[in-house]
Amino acid sequence: MNKTFADQVIAFNENLTYTGDLPEGFEVLNPYLDNPETMVVMQKFYHKYYNDSSKRKFMIGINPSRHGAGVTGVPFTDTKRLESVCGIQMKSARTHEVSSVFMYDMIADYGGAEDFYKNIYINSPFPLAIVRKTKTGWLNANYYDDKKLFESVKGFMIDSLKKHISLNLDTSEVFILGKKNADFISKLNQEAKLFDKMTVLEHPRYIQQYKSKEKQLYIDKYMLALKK
């Protein structure tokens, strides 16, 4: 029996470990090991929306935040949207994540979660949360915040992207969230020849934080890119 898209994503997440080096002051958090309920809600989500073998477009974030996918195991989805939009309740955590707000407003415009996820798969080149030690505690970090960090995780990122592509993703055009993210993914792409064309969209966090008055313009931009 052929495995569905959902089965393959779940298997990818179940086997997700980062064992490589990291520069001093950085740590990787694995939501699936930190909270058993994360594994349960992630499985419910993929079984609900990805239980087929259809080809999908690939949208690439940066790396999960510890309040979004770092808790739910679902990219750009905090516990609020997981429950209110996807109908999946998470009892052990309550999170609100700004990127998730934009993402689900955009998904509503697209036609709703079922339509959106039927056509599009979202993940990150580095699919685990990264945190950096500061004087006040641990804060979210992006894989490109530090040159040594990027060099450390680069091979793992190429490997992860290849695994995602093997799920049956369309590589003729990839949708990258965030301009800085796109600069780094284009380096990976030059090296590993993963995608034919890269389309860059503003990152949901940037839109929500700095451009919220023009939010509809950005949603329209996403629609033009994704619906052609």
C-alpha atoms as a PDB file:
ATOM      1  CA  MET A   1       0.000   0.000   0.000  1.00  0.00           C
ATOM      2  CA  ASN A   2       1.344   3.408  -0.913  1.00  0.00           C
ATOM      3  CA  LYS A   3       1.880   5.810   1.924  1.00  0.00           C
ATOM      4  CA  THR A   4      -0.180   9.001   1.804  1.00  0.00           C
ATOM      5  CA  PHE A   5       1.327  12.469   1.971  1.00  0.00           C
ATOM      6  CA  ALA A   6       0.191  12.583   5.631  1.00  0.00           C
ATOM      7  CA  ASP A   7       1.914   9.289   6.512  1.00  0.00           C
ATOM      8  CA  GLN A   8       5.187  10.527   5.030  1.00  0.00           C
ATOM      9  CA  VAL A   9       5.127  13.914   6.806  1.00  0.00           C
ATOM     10  CA  ILE A  10       4.303  12.217  10.102  1.00  0.00           C
ATOM     11  CA  ALA A  11       7.168   9.743   9.617  1.00  0.00           C
ATOM     12  CA  PHE A  12       9.516  12.654   8.805  1.00  0.00           C
ATOM     13  CA  ASN A  13       8.483  14.462  12.011  1.00  0.00           C
ATOM     14  CA  GLU A  14       8.679  11.312  14.144  1.00  0.00           C
ATOM     15  CA  ASN A  15      12.273  10.727  13.052  1.00  0.00           C
ATOM     16  CA  LEU A  16      13.362  14.335  13.313  1.00  0.00           C
ATOM     17  CA  THR A  17      16.568  14.815  15.278  1.00  0.00           C
ATOM     18  CA  TYR A  18      19.412  17.248  14.952  1.00  0.00           C
ATOM     19  CA  THR A  19      22.686  15.743  16.100  1.00  0.00           C
ATOM     20  CA  GLY A  20      25.082  18.182  14.420  1.00  0.00           C
ATOM     21  CA  ASP A  21      27.248  20.820  16.050  1.00  0.00           C
ATOM     22  CA  LEU A  22      25.987  24.239  17.093  1.00  0.00           C
ATOM     23  CA  PRO A  23      27.973  27.363  17.945  1.00  0.00           C
ATOM     24  CA  GLU A  24      28.115  28.251  21.623  1.00  0.00           C
ATOM     25  CA  GLY A  25      24.987  29.980  22.921  1.00  0.00           C
ATOM     26  CA  PHE A  26      22.543  28.231  20.570  1.00  0.00           C
ATOM     27  CA  GLU A  27      20.268  25.281  21.217  1.00  0.00           C
ATOM     28  CA  VAL A  28      17.778  23.324  19.145  1.00  0.00           C
ATOM     29  CA  LEU A  29      14.367  22.488  20.615  1.00  0.00           C
ATOM     30  CA  ASN A  30      12.469  19.472  19.372  1.00  0.00           C
ATOM     31  CA  PRO A  31       8.754  20.024  20.075  1.00  0.00           C
ATOM     32  CA  TYR A  32       7.951  16.361  19.519  1.00  0.00           C
ATOM     33  CA  LEU A  33      10.288  15.263  22.296  1.00  0.00           C
ATOM     34  CA  ASP A  34       9.396  18.111  24.654  1.00  0.00           C
ATOM     35  CA  ASN A  35       5.639  17.538  24.681  1.00  0.00           C
ATOM     36  CA  PRO A  36       3.936  14.214  23.843  1.00  0.00           C
ATOM     37  CA  GLU A  37       0.708  16.036  22.885  1.00  0.00           C
ATOM     38  CA  THR A  38       2.547  17.853  20.081  1.00  0.00           C
ATOM     39  CA  MET A  39       2.999  14.523  18.293  1.00  0.00           C
ATOM     40  CA  VAL A  40      -0.712  13.740  18.708  1.00  0.00           C
ATOM     41  CA  VAL A  41      -2.049  17.063  17.363  1.00  0.00           C
ATOM     42  CA  MET A  42       0.484  17.098  14.512  1.00  0.00           C
ATOM     43  CA  GLN A  43      -0.721  13.629  13.420  1.00  0.00           C
ATOM     44  CA  LYS A  44      -4.377  14.734  13.601  1.00  0.00           C
ATOM     45  CA  PHE A  45      -3.615  17.807  11.488  1.00  0.00           C
ATOM     46  CA  TYR A  46      -1.844  15.930   8.687  1.00  0.00           C
ATOM     47  CA  HIS A  47      -4.390  13.100   8.638  1.00  0.00           C
ATOM     48  CA  LYS A  48      -7.137  15.704   8.329  1.00  0.00           C
ATOM     49  CA  TYR A  49      -5.656  17.785   5.492  1.00  0.00           C
ATOM     50  CA  TYR A  50      -3.032  15.633   3.745  1.00  0.00           C
ATOM     51  CA  ASN A  51      -4.583  12.178   3.589  1.00  0.00           C
ATOM     52  CA  ASP A  52      -3.956  11.749  -0.152  1.00  0.00           C
ATOM     53  CA  SER A  53      -1.050  11.557  -2.576  1.00  0.00           C
ATOM     54  CA  SER A  54      -1.633  14.781  -4.529  1.00  0.00           C
ATOM     55  CA  LYS A  55       1.204  16.984  -5.747  1.00  0.00           C
ATOM     56  CA  ARG A  56       1.464  20.248  -3.814  1.00  0.00           C
ATOM     57  CA  LYS A  57       3.227  23.583  -4.030  1.00  0.00           C
ATOM     58  CA  PHE A  58       5.964  24.137  -1.449  1.00  0.00           C
ATOM     59  CA  MET A  59       6.032  27.192   0.798  1.00  0.00           C
ATOM     60  CA  ILE A  60       9.172  27.615   2.889  1.00  0.00           C
ATOM     61  CA  GLY A  61       9.425  29.464   6.198  1.00  0.00           C
ATOM     62  CA  ILE A  62      12.597  30.097   8.233  1.00  0.00           C
ATOM     63  CA  ASN A  63      12.514  27.772  11.238  1.00  0.00           C
ATOM     64  CA  PRO A  64       9.668  27.176  13.699  1.00  0.00           C
ATOM     65  CA  SER A  65       9.162  29.643  16.535  1.00  0.00           C
ATOM     66  CA  ARG A  66       8.791  28.162  19.981  1.00  0.00           C
ATOM     67  CA  HIS A  67       5.260  29.598  20.228  1.00  0.00           C
ATOM     68  CA  GLY A  68       3.989  28.468  16.819  1.00  0.00           C
ATOM     69  CA  ALA A  69       5.125  25.202  15.269  1.00  0.00           C
ATOM     70  CA  GLY A  70       7.524  24.810  18.194  1.00  0.00           C
ATOM     71  CA  VAL A  71       4.426  23.912  20.245  1.00  0.00           C
ATOM     72  CA  THR A  72       1.846  22.560  17.802  1.00  0.00           C
ATOM     73  CA  GLY A  73       4.192  20.821  15.364  1.00  0.00           C
ATOM     74  CA  VAL A  74       2.279  22.549  12.540  1.00  0.00           C
ATOM     75  CA  PRO A  75       4.044  25.394  10.658  1.00  0.00           C
ATOM     76  CA  PHE A  76       2.600  28.891  11.227  1.00  0.00           C
ATOM     77  CA  THR A  77      -0.127  27.464  13.443  1.00  0.00           C
ATOM     78  CA  ASP A  78      -0.510  28.442  17.102  1.00  0.00           C
ATOM     79  CA  THR A  79      -2.900  26.596  19.422  1.00  0.00           C
ATOM     80  CA  LYS A  80      -5.610  29.260  18.904  1.00  0.00           C
ATOM     81  CA  ARG A  81      -5.803  28.769  15.135  1.00  0.00           C
ATOM     82  CA  LEU A  82      -5.282  25.014  15.467  1.00  0.00           C
ATOM     83  CA  GLU A  83      -8.501  24.889  17.487  1.00  0.00           C
ATOM     84  CA  SER A  84     -10.616  27.682  15.969  1.00  0.00           C
ATOM     85  CA  VAL A  85      -9.826  26.973  12.299  1.00  0.00           C
ATOM     86  CA  CYS A  86      -8.603  23.379  12.137  1.00  0.00           C
ATOM     87  CA  GLY A  87     -10.873  22.040  14.889  1.00  0.00           C
ATOM     88  CA  ILE A  88      -7.995  20.377  16.757  1.00  0.00           C
ATOM     89  CA  GLN A  89      -7.719  21.135  20.456  1.00  0.00           C
ATOM     90  CA  MET A  90      -4.447  21.166  22.354  1.00  0.00           C
ATOM     91  CA  LYS A  91      -4.936  20.809  26.109  1.00  0.00           C
ATOM     92  CA  SER A  92      -1.365  21.101  27.384  1.00  0.00           C
ATOM     93  CA  ALA A  93      -0.519  24.494  25.857  1.00  0.00           C
ATOM     94  CA  ARG A  94      -2.028  27.857  24.874  1.00  0.00           C
ATOM     95  CA  THR A  95      -0.097  29.931  22.350  1.00  0.00           C
ATOM     96  CA  HIS A  96      -0.642  33.047  20.282  1.00  0.00           C
ATOM     97  CA  GLU A  97       1.782  33.650  17.443  1.00  0.00           C
ATOM     98  CA  VAL A  98       1.695  36.787  15.263  1.00  0.00           C
ATOM     99  CA  SER A  99       2.696  34.984  12.054  1.00  0.00           C
ATOM    100  CA  SER A 100      -0.199  32.588  12.569  1.00  0.00           C
ATOM    101  CA  VAL A 101      -2.695  35.476  12.550  1.00  0.00           C
ATOM    102  CA  PHE A 102      -1.619  36.634   9.070  1.00  0.00           C
ATOM    103  CA  MET A 103      -1.281  33.099   7.736  1.00  0.00           C
ATOM    104  CA  TYR A 104      -4.837  32.140   8.658  1.00  0.00           C
ATOM    105  CA  ASP A 105      -6.318  35.428   7.373  1.00  0.00           C
ATOM    106  CA  MET A 106      -4.566  34.645   4.084  1.00  0.00           C
ATOM    107  CA  ILE A 107      -5.805  31.023   4.174  1.00  0.00           C
ATOM    108  CA  ALA A 108      -9.378  32.272   4.685  1.00  0.00           C
ATOM    109  CA  ASP A 109      -8.989  34.446   1.568  1.00  0.00           C
ATOM    110  CA  TYR A 110      -7.626  31.472  -0.350  1.00  0.00           C
ATOM    111  CA  GLY A 111     -10.831  29.553   0.325  1.00  0.00           C
ATOM    112  CA  GLY A 112     -10.232  28.047   3.758  1.00  0.00           C
ATOM    113  CA  ALA A 113      -7.881  25.524   5.337  1.00  0.00           C
ATOM    114  CA  GLU A 114      -9.145  22.531   3.396  1.00  0.00           C
ATOM    115  CA  ASP A 115      -8.609  24.177  -0.009  1.00  0.00           C
ATOM    116  CA  PHE A 116      -5.301  25.715   0.977  1.00  0.00           C
ATOM    117  CA  TYR A 117      -3.697  22.594   2.436  1.00  0.00           C
ATOM    118  CA  LYS A 118      -4.975  20.465  -0.446  1.00  0.00           C
ATOM    119  CA  ASN A 119      -2.729  22.516  -2.737  1.00  0.00           C
ATOM    120  CA  ILE A 120       0.081  23.792  -0.544  1.00  0.00           C
ATOM    121  CA  TYR A 121       2.554  22.306   1.926  1.00  0.00           C
ATOM    122  CA  ILE A 122       4.454  24.541   4.346  1.00  0.00           C
ATOM    123  CA  ASN A 123       7.640  23.691   6.175  1.00  0.00           C
ATOM    124  CA  SER A 124      11.060  25.098   6.968  1.00  0.00           C
ATOM    125  CA  PRO A 125      14.569  24.308   5.753  1.00  0.00           C
ATOM    126  CA  PHE A 126      15.462  23.888   9.418  1.00  0.00           C
ATOM    127  CA  PRO A 127      12.340  22.176  10.807  1.00  0.00           C
ATOM    128  CA  LEU A 128      13.158  22.511  14.520  1.00  0.00           C
ATOM    129  CA  ALA A 129      13.070  25.569  16.797  1.00  0.00           C
ATOM    130  CA  ILE A 130      16.387  27.321  17.461  1.00  0.00           C
ATOM    131  CA  VAL A 131      16.968  29.413  20.578  1.00  0.00           C
ATOM    132  CA  ARG A 132      19.816  31.707  21.534  1.00  0.00           C
ATOM    133  CA  LYS A 133      21.017  32.350  25.073  1.00  0.00           C
ATOM    134  CA  THR A 134      20.802  36.006  26.152  1.00  0.00           C
ATOM    135  CA  LYS A 135      21.242  37.796  29.483  1.00  0.00           C
ATOM    136  CA  THR A 136      17.483  37.623  30.053  1.00  0.00           C
ATOM    137  CA  GLY A 137      17.023  33.987  29.039  1.00  0.00           C
ATOM    138  CA  TRP A 138      16.490  32.013  25.847  1.00  0.00           C
ATOM    139  CA  LEU A 139      15.044  33.788  22.800  1.00  0.00           C
ATOM    140  CA  ASN A 140      13.925  32.594  19.362  1.00  0.00           C
ATOM    141  CA  ALA A 141      16.706  32.592  16.774  1.00  0.00           C
ATOM    142  CA  ASN A 142      16.726  32.219  13.001  1.00  0.00           C
ATOM    143  CA  TYR A 143      19.127  29.800  11.331  1.00  0.00           C
ATOM    144  CA  TYR A 144      20.748  32.742   9.477  1.00  0.00           C
ATOM    145  CA  ASP A 145      21.300  34.980  12.529  1.00  0.00           C
ATOM    146  CA  ASP A 146      24.862  33.833  12.900  1.00  0.00           C
ATOM    147  CA  LYS A 147      27.334  32.831  10.197  1.00  0.00           C
ATOM    148  CA  LYS A 148      28.689  29.897  12.191  1.00  0.00           C
ATOM    149  CA  LEU A 149      25.166  28.721  12.942  1.00  0.00           C
ATOM    150  CA  PHE A 150      24.270  28.695   9.239  1.00  0.00           C
ATOM    151  CA  GLU A 151      27.459  26.817   8.361  1.00  0.00           C
ATOM    152  CA  SER A 152      26.710  24.272  11.101  1.00  0.00           C
ATOM    153  CA  VAL A 153      23.156  23.529   9.952  1.00  0.00           C
ATOM    154  CA  LYS A 154      23.564  23.914   6.175  1.00  0.00           C
ATOM    155  CA  GLY A 155      24.001  20.216   5.366  1.00  0.00           C
ATOM    156  CA  PHE A 156      21.076  19.279   7.586  1.00  0.00           C
ATOM    157  CA  MET A 157      18.922  21.908   5.836  1.00  0.00           C
ATOM    158  CA  ILE A 158      19.724  20.604   2.344  1.00  0.00           C
ATOM    159  CA  ASP A 159      18.938  17.087   3.520  1.00  0.00           C
ATOM    160  CA  SER A 160      15.622  18.252   5.059  1.00  0.00           C
ATOM    161  CA  LEU A 161      14.587  20.089   1.904  1.00  0.00           C
ATOM    162  CA  LYS A 162      15.328  17.007  -0.200  1.00  0.00           C
ATOM    163  CA  LYS A 163      13.200  14.892   2.140  1.00  0.00           C
ATOM    164  CA  HIS A 164      10.327  17.366   1.853  1.00  0.00           C
ATOM    165  CA  ILE A 165      10.617  17.429  -1.936  1.00  0.00           C
ATOM    166  CA  SER A 166      10.370  13.622  -2.014  1.00  0.00           C
ATOM    167  CA  LEU A 167       6.864  13.859  -0.493  1.00  0.00           C
ATOM    168  CA  ASN A 168       5.618  14.815  -3.999  1.00  0.00           C
ATOM    169  CA  LEU A 169       6.195  18.555  -4.094  1.00  0.00           C
ATOM    170  CA  ASP A 170       6.268  20.675  -7.211  1.00  0.00           C
ATOM    171  CA  THR A 171       9.850  21.926  -7.639  1.00  0.00           C
ATOM    172  CA  SER A 172       9.186  24.082 -10.715  1.00  0.00           C
ATOM    173  CA  GLU A 173       8.424  27.042  -8.420  1.00  0.00           C
ATOM    174  CA  VAL A 174       8.956  27.387  -4.685  1.00  0.00           C
ATOM    175  CA  PHE A 175       7.463  30.109  -2.457  1.00  0.00           C
ATOM    176  CA  ILE A 176       9.866  31.546   0.091  1.00  0.00           C
ATOM    177  CA  LEU A 177       8.725  33.616   3.041  1.00  0.00           C
ATOM    178  CA  GLY A 178      11.070  36.469   3.909  1.00  0.00           C
ATOM    179  CA  LYS A 179      13.716  38.186   1.799  1.00  0.00           C
ATOM    180  CA  LYS A 180      16.665  37.297   4.013  1.00  0.00           C
ATOM    181  CA  ASN A 181      15.478  33.690   4.122  1.00  0.00           C
ATOM    182  CA  ALA A 182      15.392  33.730   0.309  1.00  0.00           C
ATOM    183  CA  ASP A 183      19.017  34.928   0.117  1.00  0.00           C
ATOM    184  CA  PHE A 184      20.153  31.915   2.111  1.00  0.00           C
ATOM    185  CA  ILE A 185      17.891  29.414   0.379  1.00  0.00           C
ATOM    186  CA  SER A 186      19.203  30.606  -2.956  1.00  0.00           C
ATOM    187  CA  LYS A 187      22.707  29.668  -1.701  1.00  0.00           C
ATOM    188  CA  LEU A 188      21.423  26.192  -0.849  1.00  0.00           C
ATOM    189  CA  ASN A 189      19.668  26.011  -4.197  1.00  0.00           C
ATOM    190  CA  GLN A 190      22.845  26.881  -6.120  1.00  0.00           C
ATOM    191  CA  GLU A 191      24.625  24.089  -4.306  1.00  0.00           C
ATOM    192  CA  ALA A 192      21.935  21.390  -4.337  1.00  0.00           C
ATOM    193  CA  LYS A 193      19.817  22.330  -7.422  1.00  0.00           C
ATOM    194  CA  LEU A 194      16.482  21.875  -5.644  1.00  0.00           C
ATOM    195  CA  PHE A 195      14.080  24.320  -7.350  1.00  0.00           C
ATOM    196  CA  ASP A 196      13.731  25.823 -10.832  1.00  0.00           C
ATOM    197  CA  LYS A 197      12.251  29.152  -9.748  1.00  0.00           C
ATOM    198  CA  MET A 198      12.076  30.978  -6.428  1.00  0.00           C
ATOM    199  CA  THR A 199       9.199  33.368  -5.695  1.00  0.00           C
ATOM    200  CA  VAL A 200       9.771  35.523  -2.626  1.00  0.00           C
ATOM    201  CA  LEU A 201       6.871  36.705  -0.458  1.00  0.00           C
ATOM    202  CA  GLU A 202       7.075  38.956   2.594  1.00  0.00           C
ATOM    203  CA  HIS A 203       7.206  37.024   5.838  1.00  0.00           C
ATOM    204  CA  PRO A 204       3.903  36.872   7.799  1.00  0.00           C
ATOM    205  CA  ARG A 205       5.590  38.162  10.976  1.00  0.00           C
ATOM    206  CA  TYR A 206       6.962  41.210   9.131  1.00  0.00           C
ATOM    207  CA  ILE A 207       3.541  41.966   7.612  1.00  0.00           C
ATOM    208  CA  GLN A 208       1.705  41.548  10.929  1.00  0.00           C
ATOM    209  CA  GLN A 209       4.221  43.632  12.881  1.00  0.00           C
ATOM    210  CA  TYR A 210       5.071  46.437  10.484  1.00  0.00           C
ATOM    211  CA  LYS A 211       2.541  46.478   7.653  1.00  0.00           C
ATOM    212  CA  SER A 212      -0.720  45.470   9.322  1.00  0.00           C
ATOM    213  CA  LYS A 213      -2.578  48.471   7.813  1.00  0.00           C
ATOM    214  CA  GLU A 214      -1.700  47.180   4.339  1.00  0.00           C
ATOM    215  CA  LYS A 215      -2.373  43.568   5.212  1.00  0.00           C
ATOM    216  CA  GLN A 216      -4.929  43.062   2.421  1.00  0.00           C
ATOM    217  CA  LEU A 217      -2.372  44.160  -0.191  1.00  0.00           C
ATOM    218  CA  TYR A 218      -0.026  41.435   1.003  1.00  0.00           C
ATOM    219  CA  ILE A 219      -2.811  38.858   1.084  1.00  0.00           C
ATOM    220  CA  ASP A 220      -3.601  39.798  -2.529  1.00  0.00           C
ATOM    221  CA  LYS A 221       0.083  39.388  -3.403  1.00  0.00           C
ATOM    222  CA  TYR A 222       0.046  35.878  -1.900  1.00  0.00           C
ATOM    223  CA  MET A 223      -3.121  35.047  -3.867  1.00  0.00           C
ATOM    224  CA  LEU A 224      -1.590  36.185  -7.163  1.00  0.00           C
ATOM    225  CA  ALA A 225       1.496  34.073  -6.551  1.00  0.00           C
ATOM    226  CA  LEU A 226      -0.219  30.932  -5.245  1.00  0.00           C
ATOM    227  CA  LYS A 227      -3.313  30.741  -7.433  1.00  0.00           C
ATOM    228  CA  LYS A 228      -1.759  31.027 -10.867  1.00  0.00           C
END
